[in-house]
Amino acid sequence: MKEQQNMEENKEEQILDRQTAAKEVVLTNELTKLGNQAVKKGLISGHGYHGGKYEILCNGQIFLLTPEQAHSYLKDLVKQHQK
């Protein structure tokens, strides 16, 4: 009985791990797309992952953000300059 419960818990963990990994891939792809758009528009000079954080180079400064923060920042930045 306990073995079956452990197996079910393990399966649930594996499903959650796969879902988390899939979300991270989507986020990374979106960050790359948004970052490249911002570079192309001259809004930032560079971007990418660095030491577990997302690095944005802008006006000679380096900003280290969580991937989620970077996504929001870049999304807003690109949106503001679409006009």
C-alpha atoms as a PDB file:
ATOM      1  CA  MET A   1       0.000   0.000   0.000  1.00  0.00           C
ATOM      2  CA  LYS A   2       2.749   2.443   0.976  1.00  0.00           C
ATOM      3  CA  GLU A   3       4.770   1.543  -2.139  1.00  0.00           C
ATOM      4  CA  GLN A   4       1.793   2.330  -4.356  1.00  0.00           C
ATOM      5  CA  GLN A   5       1.321   5.685  -2.615  1.00  0.00           C
ATOM      6  CA  ASN A   6       5.014   6.485  -3.097  1.00  0.00           C
ATOM      7  CA  MET A   7       4.774   5.564  -6.788  1.00  0.00           C
ATOM      8  CA  GLU A   8       1.762   7.848  -7.236  1.00  0.00           C
ATOM      9  CA  GLU A   9       3.517  10.711  -5.465  1.00  0.00           C
ATOM     10  CA  ASN A  10       6.584  10.158  -7.649  1.00  0.00           C
ATOM     11  CA  LYS A  11       4.436  10.290 -10.803  1.00  0.00           C
ATOM     12  CA  GLU A  12       2.831  13.534  -9.636  1.00  0.00           C
ATOM     13  CA  GLU A  13       6.274  15.032  -8.995  1.00  0.00           C
ATOM     14  CA  GLN A  14       7.441  13.981 -12.458  1.00  0.00           C
ATOM     15  CA  ILE A  15       4.390  15.611 -14.052  1.00  0.00           C
ATOM     16  CA  LEU A  16       4.997  18.833 -12.127  1.00  0.00           C
ATOM     17  CA  ASP A  17       8.692  18.774 -13.078  1.00  0.00           C
ATOM     18  CA  ARG A  18       7.781  18.399 -16.769  1.00  0.00           C
ATOM     19  CA  GLN A  19       5.237  21.214 -16.555  1.00  0.00           C
ATOM     20  CA  THR A  20       7.781  23.480 -14.865  1.00  0.00           C
ATOM     21  CA  ALA A  21      10.410  22.655 -17.489  1.00  0.00           C
ATOM     22  CA  ALA A  22       7.930  23.366 -20.302  1.00  0.00           C
ATOM     23  CA  LYS A  23       7.052  26.755 -18.768  1.00  0.00           C
ATOM     24  CA  GLU A  24      10.753  27.602 -18.482  1.00  0.00           C
ATOM     25  CA  VAL A  25      11.291  26.785 -22.172  1.00  0.00           C
ATOM     26  CA  VAL A  26       8.388  29.022 -23.189  1.00  0.00           C
ATOM     27  CA  LEU A  27       9.654  31.832 -20.948  1.00  0.00           C
ATOM     28  CA  THR A  28      13.193  31.514 -22.343  1.00  0.00           C
ATOM     29  CA  ASN A  29      11.914  31.615 -25.920  1.00  0.00           C
ATOM     30  CA  GLU A  30       9.781  34.691 -25.193  1.00  0.00           C
ATOM     31  CA  LEU A  31      12.682  36.426 -23.420  1.00  0.00           C
ATOM     32  CA  THR A  32      14.935  35.791 -26.400  1.00  0.00           C
ATOM     33  CA  LYS A  33      12.324  37.132 -28.824  1.00  0.00           C
ATOM     34  CA  LEU A  34      11.576  40.235 -26.733  1.00  0.00           C
ATOM     35  CA  GLY A  35      15.242  40.881 -26.021  1.00  0.00           C
ATOM     36  CA  ASN A  36      16.123  40.643 -29.702  1.00  0.00           C
ATOM     37  CA  GLN A  37      13.297  43.042 -30.571  1.00  0.00           C
ATOM     38  CA  ALA A  38      14.556  45.515 -27.961  1.00  0.00           C
ATOM     39  CA  VAL A  39      18.119  45.285 -29.319  1.00  0.00           C
ATOM     40  CA  LYS A  40      16.890  45.747 -32.887  1.00  0.00           C
ATOM     41  CA  LYS A  41      14.990  48.891 -31.839  1.00  0.00           C
ATOM     42  CA  GLY A  42      18.059  50.207 -30.018  1.00  0.00           C
ATOM     43  CA  LEU A  43      16.315  50.092 -26.632  1.00  0.00           C
ATOM     44  CA  ILE A  44      18.957  47.868 -25.014  1.00  0.00           C
ATOM     45  CA  SER A  45      22.417  46.790 -26.092  1.00  0.00           C
ATOM     46  CA  GLY A  46      22.286  43.137 -25.007  1.00  0.00           C
ATOM     47  CA  HIS A  47      20.536  40.443 -23.009  1.00  0.00           C
ATOM     48  CA  GLY A  48      20.872  36.845 -21.834  1.00  0.00           C
ATOM     49  CA  TYR A  49      21.078  34.486 -18.892  1.00  0.00           C
ATOM     50  CA  HIS A  50      23.940  35.023 -16.479  1.00  0.00           C
ATOM     51  CA  GLY A  51      24.396  33.097 -13.246  1.00  0.00           C
ATOM     52  CA  GLY A  52      20.748  32.057 -12.962  1.00  0.00           C
ATOM     53  CA  LYS A  53      19.484  35.589 -13.546  1.00  0.00           C
ATOM     54  CA  TYR A  54      18.537  37.385 -16.733  1.00  0.00           C
ATOM     55  CA  GLU A  55      20.958  40.138 -17.669  1.00  0.00           C
ATOM     56  CA  ILE A  56      19.901  43.232 -19.595  1.00  0.00           C
ATOM     57  CA  LEU A  57      22.531  45.689 -20.813  1.00  0.00           C
ATOM     58  CA  CYS A  58      21.215  49.210 -21.218  1.00  0.00           C
ATOM     59  CA  ASN A  59      23.026  52.562 -21.377  1.00  0.00           C
ATOM     60  CA  GLY A  60      26.247  51.037 -20.072  1.00  0.00           C
ATOM     61  CA  GLN A  61      24.497  49.529 -17.056  1.00  0.00           C
ATOM     62  CA  ILE A  62      23.864  45.881 -16.271  1.00  0.00           C
ATOM     63  CA  PHE A  63      20.531  44.838 -14.783  1.00  0.00           C
ATOM     64  CA  LEU A  64      20.200  41.369 -13.267  1.00  0.00           C
ATOM     65  CA  LEU A  65      16.574  40.325 -12.959  1.00  0.00           C
ATOM     66  CA  THR A  66      14.650  37.133 -12.449  1.00  0.00           C
ATOM     67  CA  PRO A  67      13.466  35.731 -15.775  1.00  0.00           C
ATOM     68  CA  GLU A  68       9.901  36.722 -14.857  1.00  0.00           C
ATOM     69  CA  GLN A  69      10.926  40.309 -14.032  1.00  0.00           C
ATOM     70  CA  ALA A  70      12.958  40.533 -17.238  1.00  0.00           C
ATOM     71  CA  HIS A  71      10.004  39.252 -19.246  1.00  0.00           C
ATOM     72  CA  SER A  72       7.698  41.919 -17.819  1.00  0.00           C
ATOM     73  CA  TYR A  73      10.296  44.647 -18.288  1.00  0.00           C
ATOM     74  CA  LEU A  74      11.112  43.731 -21.891  1.00  0.00           C
ATOM     75  CA  LYS A  75       7.467  43.217 -22.803  1.00  0.00           C
ATOM     76  CA  ASP A  76       6.565  46.678 -21.489  1.00  0.00           C
ATOM     77  CA  LEU A  77       9.635  48.277 -23.074  1.00  0.00           C
ATOM     78  CA  VAL A  78       8.928  46.850 -26.525  1.00  0.00           C
ATOM     79  CA  LYS A  79       5.219  47.647 -26.229  1.00  0.00           C
ATOM     80  CA  GLN A  80       5.933  51.288 -25.323  1.00  0.00           C
ATOM     81  CA  HIS A  81       8.117  51.713 -28.403  1.00  0.00           C
ATOM     82  CA  GLN A  82       5.868  50.026 -30.976  1.00  0.00           C
ATOM     83  CA  LYS A  83       4.158  53.302 -31.827  1.00  0.00           C
END
